[in-house]
């Protein structure tokens, strides 16, 4: 949300609010025995000093994409990093055993509209910060869900990525209307292969009750997700939920929905009716034939 002027100007996202959101997510997953894939931007995951030492590389990226870095680079130069540092959250999720995936080095979109030169710099920056983080992810969640540069990224060593949802106003409207589907049985496609890649389905975004989406009651969101999970458990389907921790800060009602849905999912796992898997684990089990 660093490029959302309204959110940034409001000052809602800071170290304190981030700590509350990540602590809530970790506690909720732990209490319900659930695993997650946590996709981190490298510059957010690394310690602030490691990011400051990478300013020359970020300046090269900014020269190619000045609009994207108009807010980040000045803040970094001033040392004004409140709300930009997630190293503690990264370590907490990693220690808890969740899969740590890559979400770009700077959250610059990696679509076809971004130059190969910029992608190469993103990977160079990521490689430097991976050494500081002590691990190299193999799963990729594309920034803004904009898939691109697959040969370049596969050559770097990534193996799994999440597919993007169809774009366009019609699809966004359809997605909004579907939030009211209390009997949603739309179990997603299962993980599969596309050439050299393992690909996870695009999944469903947990409704962010902000703006027009605030018109969707939390109770409706919960009932829809329970229908999805119940139907998937009964049919052997695959359901993937995703959202940004920052969403929990800007729309706190979302925490109520997440807590109740995770409680329901945890119950299905404990009863043996459902498996809780990371993206990499799900792809591995589907590819090996362990899951039909």
Protein backbone atom coordinates (compact mmCIF):
# COMPACT_ATOMS: atom_id res chain seq x y z
CA UNK A 1 0.00 0.00 0.00
CA UNK A 2 3.04 2.27 -0.15
CA UNK A 3 1.75 3.77 -3.40
CA UNK A 4 -1.72 4.51 -1.97
CA UNK A 5 -1.61 8.20 -1.09
CA UNK A 6 -4.74 8.06 1.10
CA UNK A 7 -3.44 5.19 3.22
CA UNK A 8 0.08 6.60 3.56
CA UNK A 9 -1.14 10.10 4.43
CA UNK A 10 -3.46 8.72 7.10
CA UNK A 11 -0.47 7.26 8.96
CA UNK A 12 -2.36 4.07 9.72
CA UNK A 13 0.50 1.76 8.78
CA UNK A 14 3.36 2.00 11.27
CA UNK A 15 5.50 -0.40 13.30
CA UNK A 16 2.94 -0.63 16.10
CA UNK A 17 -0.03 -1.38 13.85
CA UNK A 18 2.03 -3.84 11.79
CA UNK A 19 3.11 -5.65 14.96
CA UNK A 20 -0.52 -6.00 16.03
CA UNK A 21 -1.58 -7.36 12.63
CA UNK A 22 1.24 -9.90 12.32
CA UNK A 23 0.89 -11.03 15.94
CA UNK A 24 -2.82 -11.57 15.36
CA UNK A 25 -2.19 -13.62 12.20
CA UNK A 26 0.47 -15.77 13.85
CA UNK A 27 -1.65 -16.40 16.93
CA UNK A 28 -4.73 -17.27 14.89
CA UNK A 29 -2.84 -19.73 12.69
CA UNK A 30 -1.12 -21.31 15.70
CA UNK A 31 -4.29 -21.65 17.72
CA UNK A 32 -5.99 -23.50 14.86
CA UNK A 33 -3.06 -25.69 13.77
CA UNK A 34 -2.84 -24.13 10.30
CA UNK A 35 0.06 -23.53 7.93
CA UNK A 36 0.49 -20.58 5.59
CA UNK A 37 2.68 -19.31 2.80
CA UNK A 38 3.92 -15.86 3.77
CA UNK A 39 5.04 -13.87 0.74
CA UNK A 40 7.43 -11.08 1.77
CA UNK A 41 8.91 -8.17 -0.14
CA UNK A 42 12.67 -8.48 0.41
CA UNK A 43 13.17 -4.82 1.35
CA UNK A 44 10.44 -5.20 3.97
CA UNK A 45 11.75 -8.52 5.30
CA UNK A 46 15.38 -7.48 5.72
CA UNK A 47 16.84 -5.42 8.54
CA UNK A 48 16.78 -1.68 7.89
CA UNK A 49 20.59 -1.44 7.79
CA UNK A 50 20.83 -4.07 5.03
CA UNK A 51 18.27 -2.12 3.00
CA UNK A 52 20.12 1.17 3.53
CA UNK A 53 23.31 -0.48 2.29
CA UNK A 54 21.41 -1.40 -0.88
CA UNK A 55 20.42 2.19 -1.74
CA UNK A 56 22.74 2.31 -4.81
CA UNK A 57 20.88 -0.68 -6.31
CA UNK A 58 17.50 0.82 -5.42
CA UNK A 59 18.57 4.07 -7.09
CA UNK A 60 19.28 2.14 -10.29
CA UNK A 61 15.78 0.65 -10.10
CA UNK A 62 14.31 4.10 -9.44
CA UNK A 63 16.02 5.49 -12.53
CA UNK A 64 14.15 2.91 -14.62
CA UNK A 65 10.85 3.25 -12.70
CA UNK A 66 10.79 6.75 -11.11
CA UNK A 67 7.09 6.81 -10.30
CA UNK A 68 7.17 3.58 -8.32
CA UNK A 69 9.99 4.76 -6.06
CA UNK A 70 8.86 8.37 -5.62
CA UNK A 71 7.92 7.78 -1.97
CA UNK A 72 10.16 4.87 -0.95
CA UNK A 73 13.54 6.27 -1.97
CA UNK A 74 13.22 9.68 -0.21
CA UNK A 75 11.99 7.93 2.95
CA UNK A 76 14.92 5.52 2.80
CA UNK A 77 17.45 8.31 2.34
CA UNK A 78 15.98 10.22 5.33
CA UNK A 79 15.87 7.11 7.48
CA UNK A 80 12.12 7.61 7.93
CA UNK A 81 11.36 3.90 8.12
CA UNK A 82 8.41 3.68 10.53
CA UNK A 83 6.05 1.19 8.89
CA UNK A 84 8.58 0.03 6.31
CA UNK A 85 10.52 -2.55 8.36
CA UNK A 86 9.18 -6.09 8.75
CA UNK A 87 12.29 -8.04 9.74
CA UNK A 88 10.84 -9.14 13.09
CA UNK A 89 7.63 -10.31 11.43
CA UNK A 90 9.57 -12.25 8.80
CA UNK A 91 11.62 -14.03 11.46
CA UNK A 92 8.55 -14.83 13.57
CA UNK A 93 6.70 -16.46 10.70
CA UNK A 94 9.78 -18.35 9.58
CA UNK A 95 10.53 -19.67 13.09
CA UNK A 96 6.88 -20.76 13.37
CA UNK A 97 7.41 -23.04 10.36
CA UNK A 98 5.43 -21.22 7.69
CA UNK A 99 6.67 -21.17 4.10
CA UNK A 100 8.53 -17.98 3.24
CA UNK A 101 7.82 -16.98 -0.36
CA UNK A 102 9.08 -14.06 -2.45
CA UNK A 103 6.88 -11.07 -3.30
CA UNK A 104 9.49 -9.09 -5.19
CA UNK A 105 12.45 -7.16 -3.87
CA UNK A 106 10.64 -3.80 -3.81
CA UNK A 107 7.08 -4.82 -4.80
CA UNK A 108 7.72 -3.45 -8.29
CA UNK A 109 5.30 -5.29 -10.62
CA UNK A 110 7.06 -8.02 -12.59
CA UNK A 111 4.62 -7.96 -15.50
CA UNK A 112 5.51 -7.64 -19.17
CA UNK A 113 5.30 -3.84 -18.75
CA UNK A 114 8.42 -3.92 -16.55
CA UNK A 115 11.70 -4.11 -18.44
CA UNK A 116 13.98 -7.18 -18.24
CA UNK A 117 16.69 -4.82 -16.98
CA UNK A 118 14.53 -3.79 -14.02
CA UNK A 119 13.69 -7.43 -13.26
CA UNK A 120 17.40 -8.26 -13.31
CA UNK A 121 18.05 -5.48 -10.79
CA UNK A 122 15.17 -6.76 -8.61
CA UNK A 123 16.76 -10.20 -8.61
CA UNK A 124 20.21 -8.78 -7.87
CA UNK A 125 18.79 -6.83 -4.92
CA UNK A 126 16.84 -9.87 -3.73
CA UNK A 127 19.92 -12.08 -3.93
CA UNK A 128 21.85 -9.67 -1.71
CA UNK A 129 19.02 -9.52 0.84
CA UNK A 130 18.42 -13.30 0.75
CA UNK A 131 21.98 -13.72 2.06
CA UNK A 132 21.15 -11.39 4.94
CA UNK A 133 17.91 -13.29 5.61
CA UNK A 134 19.66 -16.66 5.53
CA UNK A 135 17.29 -18.40 3.12
CA UNK A 136 16.41 -18.40 -0.57
CA UNK A 137 12.70 -18.88 -1.39
CA UNK A 138 11.56 -21.08 -4.25
CA UNK A 139 7.91 -19.96 -4.25
CA UNK A 140 6.84 -16.72 -5.90
CA UNK A 141 3.71 -14.62 -5.37
CA UNK A 142 3.84 -11.90 -7.99
CA UNK A 143 3.46 -8.29 -6.82
CA UNK A 144 0.00 -7.05 -7.79
CA UNK A 145 -0.63 -10.62 -9.04
CA UNK A 146 0.81 -9.57 -12.40
CA UNK A 147 2.61 -12.59 -13.87
CA UNK A 148 5.52 -12.00 -16.25
CA UNK A 149 9.16 -12.72 -17.09
CA UNK A 150 8.74 -16.42 -16.28
CA UNK A 151 11.89 -17.67 -18.12
CA UNK A 152 14.06 -15.07 -16.35
CA UNK A 153 12.58 -15.92 -12.95
CA UNK A 154 12.76 -19.69 -13.48
CA UNK A 155 16.43 -19.36 -14.41
CA UNK A 156 17.00 -17.59 -11.09
CA UNK A 157 15.70 -20.67 -9.27
CA UNK A 158 12.03 -20.12 -8.50
CA UNK A 159 9.93 -23.25 -8.93
CA UNK A 160 6.34 -22.39 -7.92
CA UNK A 161 4.13 -19.38 -8.51
CA UNK A 162 0.53 -18.40 -7.96
CA UNK A 163 -1.54 -17.75 -11.07
CA UNK A 164 -3.17 -14.37 -11.60
CA UNK A 165 -6.88 -13.70 -11.68
CA UNK A 166 -8.48 -12.37 -14.87
CA UNK A 167 -8.29 -8.60 -15.00
CA UNK A 168 -10.73 -5.99 -16.24
CA UNK A 169 -13.72 -4.17 -14.77
CA UNK A 170 -16.14 -7.00 -15.58
CA UNK A 171 -14.11 -9.52 -13.59
CA UNK A 172 -13.72 -7.13 -10.65
CA UNK A 173 -17.46 -6.56 -10.59
CA UNK A 174 -18.11 -10.29 -10.81
CA UNK A 175 -15.75 -10.86 -7.89
CA UNK A 176 -17.54 -8.24 -5.80
CA UNK A 177 -20.95 -9.71 -6.54
CA UNK A 178 -19.71 -13.19 -5.68
CA UNK A 179 -18.90 -11.98 -2.16
CA UNK A 180 -22.65 -12.26 -1.53
CA UNK A 181 -22.81 -15.90 -2.63
CA UNK A 182 -23.63 -17.61 0.67
CA UNK A 183 -23.64 -21.05 -0.96
CA UNK A 184 -20.45 -20.66 -2.99
CA UNK A 185 -19.26 -24.07 -4.19
CA UNK A 186 -16.69 -22.64 -6.56
CA UNK A 187 -13.83 -24.91 -5.52
CA UNK A 188 -10.73 -23.69 -7.30
CA UNK A 189 -8.66 -25.61 -9.80
CA UNK A 190 -5.94 -27.74 -8.30
CA UNK A 191 -2.18 -27.09 -8.44
CA UNK A 192 -0.60 -28.29 -11.67
CA UNK A 193 2.36 -27.85 -14.00
CA UNK A 194 2.91 -25.30 -16.75
CA UNK A 195 6.12 -26.19 -18.48
CA UNK A 196 8.95 -26.02 -15.95
CA UNK A 197 6.76 -24.38 -13.33
CA UNK A 198 4.51 -25.66 -10.54
CA UNK A 199 1.49 -23.36 -10.54
CA UNK A 200 -0.99 -22.77 -7.74
CA UNK A 201 -4.50 -21.54 -8.61
CA UNK A 202 -5.16 -17.84 -8.17
CA UNK A 203 -7.31 -18.42 -5.11
CA UNK A 204 -9.80 -16.12 -3.40
CA UNK A 205 -9.12 -12.76 -1.79
CA UNK A 206 -10.56 -12.49 1.73
CA UNK A 207 -12.99 -9.59 1.43
CA UNK A 208 -11.40 -6.32 2.51
CA UNK A 209 -14.30 -4.31 3.99
CA UNK A 210 -13.07 -0.97 2.73
CA UNK A 211 -14.65 1.36 0.19
CA UNK A 212 -17.45 -0.32 -1.73
CA UNK A 213 -16.50 -3.69 -0.21
CA UNK A 214 -17.47 -2.37 3.23
CA UNK A 215 -21.07 -3.00 2.14
CA UNK A 216 -20.46 -6.75 2.47
CA UNK A 217 -21.24 -7.75 6.09
CA UNK A 218 -18.64 -9.81 7.94
CA UNK A 219 -21.27 -12.48 8.58
CA UNK A 220 -21.80 -12.86 4.83
CA UNK A 221 -18.05 -13.24 4.24
CA UNK A 222 -17.83 -15.91 6.95
CA UNK A 223 -20.79 -17.89 5.60
CA UNK A 224 -19.36 -17.81 2.08
CA UNK A 225 -15.99 -19.13 3.21
CA UNK A 226 -17.55 -21.83 5.32
CA UNK A 227 -19.48 -22.96 2.24
CA UNK A 228 -16.28 -23.03 0.17
CA UNK A 229 -14.37 -25.00 2.79
CA UNK A 230 -17.21 -27.40 3.52
CA UNK A 231 -17.71 -28.12 -0.16
CA UNK A 232 -13.97 -28.56 -0.78
CA UNK A 233 -13.68 -30.98 2.15
CA UNK A 234 -16.59 -33.01 0.85
CA UNK A 235 -15.36 -33.15 -2.75
CA UNK A 236 -11.62 -33.31 -2.24
CA UNK A 237 -11.21 -29.79 -3.60
CA UNK A 238 -8.58 -27.09 -3.18
CA UNK A 239 -9.23 -23.66 -1.65
CA UNK A 240 -6.61 -20.92 -1.38
CA UNK A 241 -7.20 -17.73 0.64
CA UNK A 242 -4.98 -14.70 0.34
CA UNK A 243 -4.84 -11.13 1.66
CA UNK A 244 -2.33 -8.55 2.83
CA UNK A 245 -1.64 -8.05 6.56
CA UNK A 246 -1.96 -4.33 5.86
CA UNK A 247 -5.63 -4.93 5.01
CA UNK A 248 -6.26 -5.88 8.64
CA UNK A 249 -4.97 -2.47 9.72
CA UNK A 250 -7.05 -0.35 7.37
CA UNK A 251 -10.23 -2.42 7.90
CA UNK A 252 -10.17 -4.00 11.39
CA UNK A 253 -13.50 -5.80 10.83
CA UNK A 254 -11.55 -8.12 8.55
CA UNK A 255 -9.90 -9.61 11.64
CA UNK A 256 -13.28 -10.87 12.85
CA UNK A 257 -13.86 -12.69 9.56
CA UNK A 258 -10.35 -14.16 9.47
CA UNK A 259 -10.55 -15.40 13.06
CA UNK A 260 -13.88 -17.16 12.56
CA UNK A 261 -12.97 -18.67 9.18
CA UNK A 262 -9.64 -19.98 10.48
CA UNK A 263 -11.45 -21.50 13.45
CA UNK A 264 -13.75 -23.35 11.06
CA UNK A 265 -10.82 -24.46 8.87
CA UNK A 266 -8.89 -25.61 11.92
CA UNK A 267 -11.82 -27.75 12.96
CA UNK A 268 -11.85 -29.46 9.56
CA UNK A 269 -8.13 -30.15 9.86
CA UNK A 270 -8.43 -31.56 13.38
CA UNK A 271 -11.28 -33.85 12.31
CA UNK A 272 -9.20 -35.18 9.41
CA UNK A 273 -11.54 -33.78 6.77
CA UNK A 274 -9.02 -31.31 5.36
CA UNK A 275 -5.26 -30.82 5.03
CA UNK A 276 -3.53 -27.54 5.76
CA UNK A 277 -0.63 -27.15 3.32
CA UNK A 278 1.70 -24.42 2.16
CA UNK A 279 1.83 -23.60 -1.56
CA UNK A 280 5.01 -25.64 -2.03
CA UNK A 281 3.64 -28.60 -0.06
CA UNK A 282 0.36 -28.62 -2.00
CA UNK A 283 2.15 -28.53 -5.33
CA UNK A 284 4.52 -31.31 -4.28
CA UNK A 285 1.69 -33.58 -3.12
CA UNK A 286 -0.42 -33.02 -6.23
CA UNK A 287 2.56 -33.58 -8.51
CA UNK A 288 3.56 -36.79 -6.73
CA UNK A 289 0.04 -38.18 -6.84
CA UNK A 290 -0.36 -38.15 -3.05
CA UNK A 291 -3.45 -36.01 -3.61
CA UNK A 292 -5.89 -36.81 -6.45
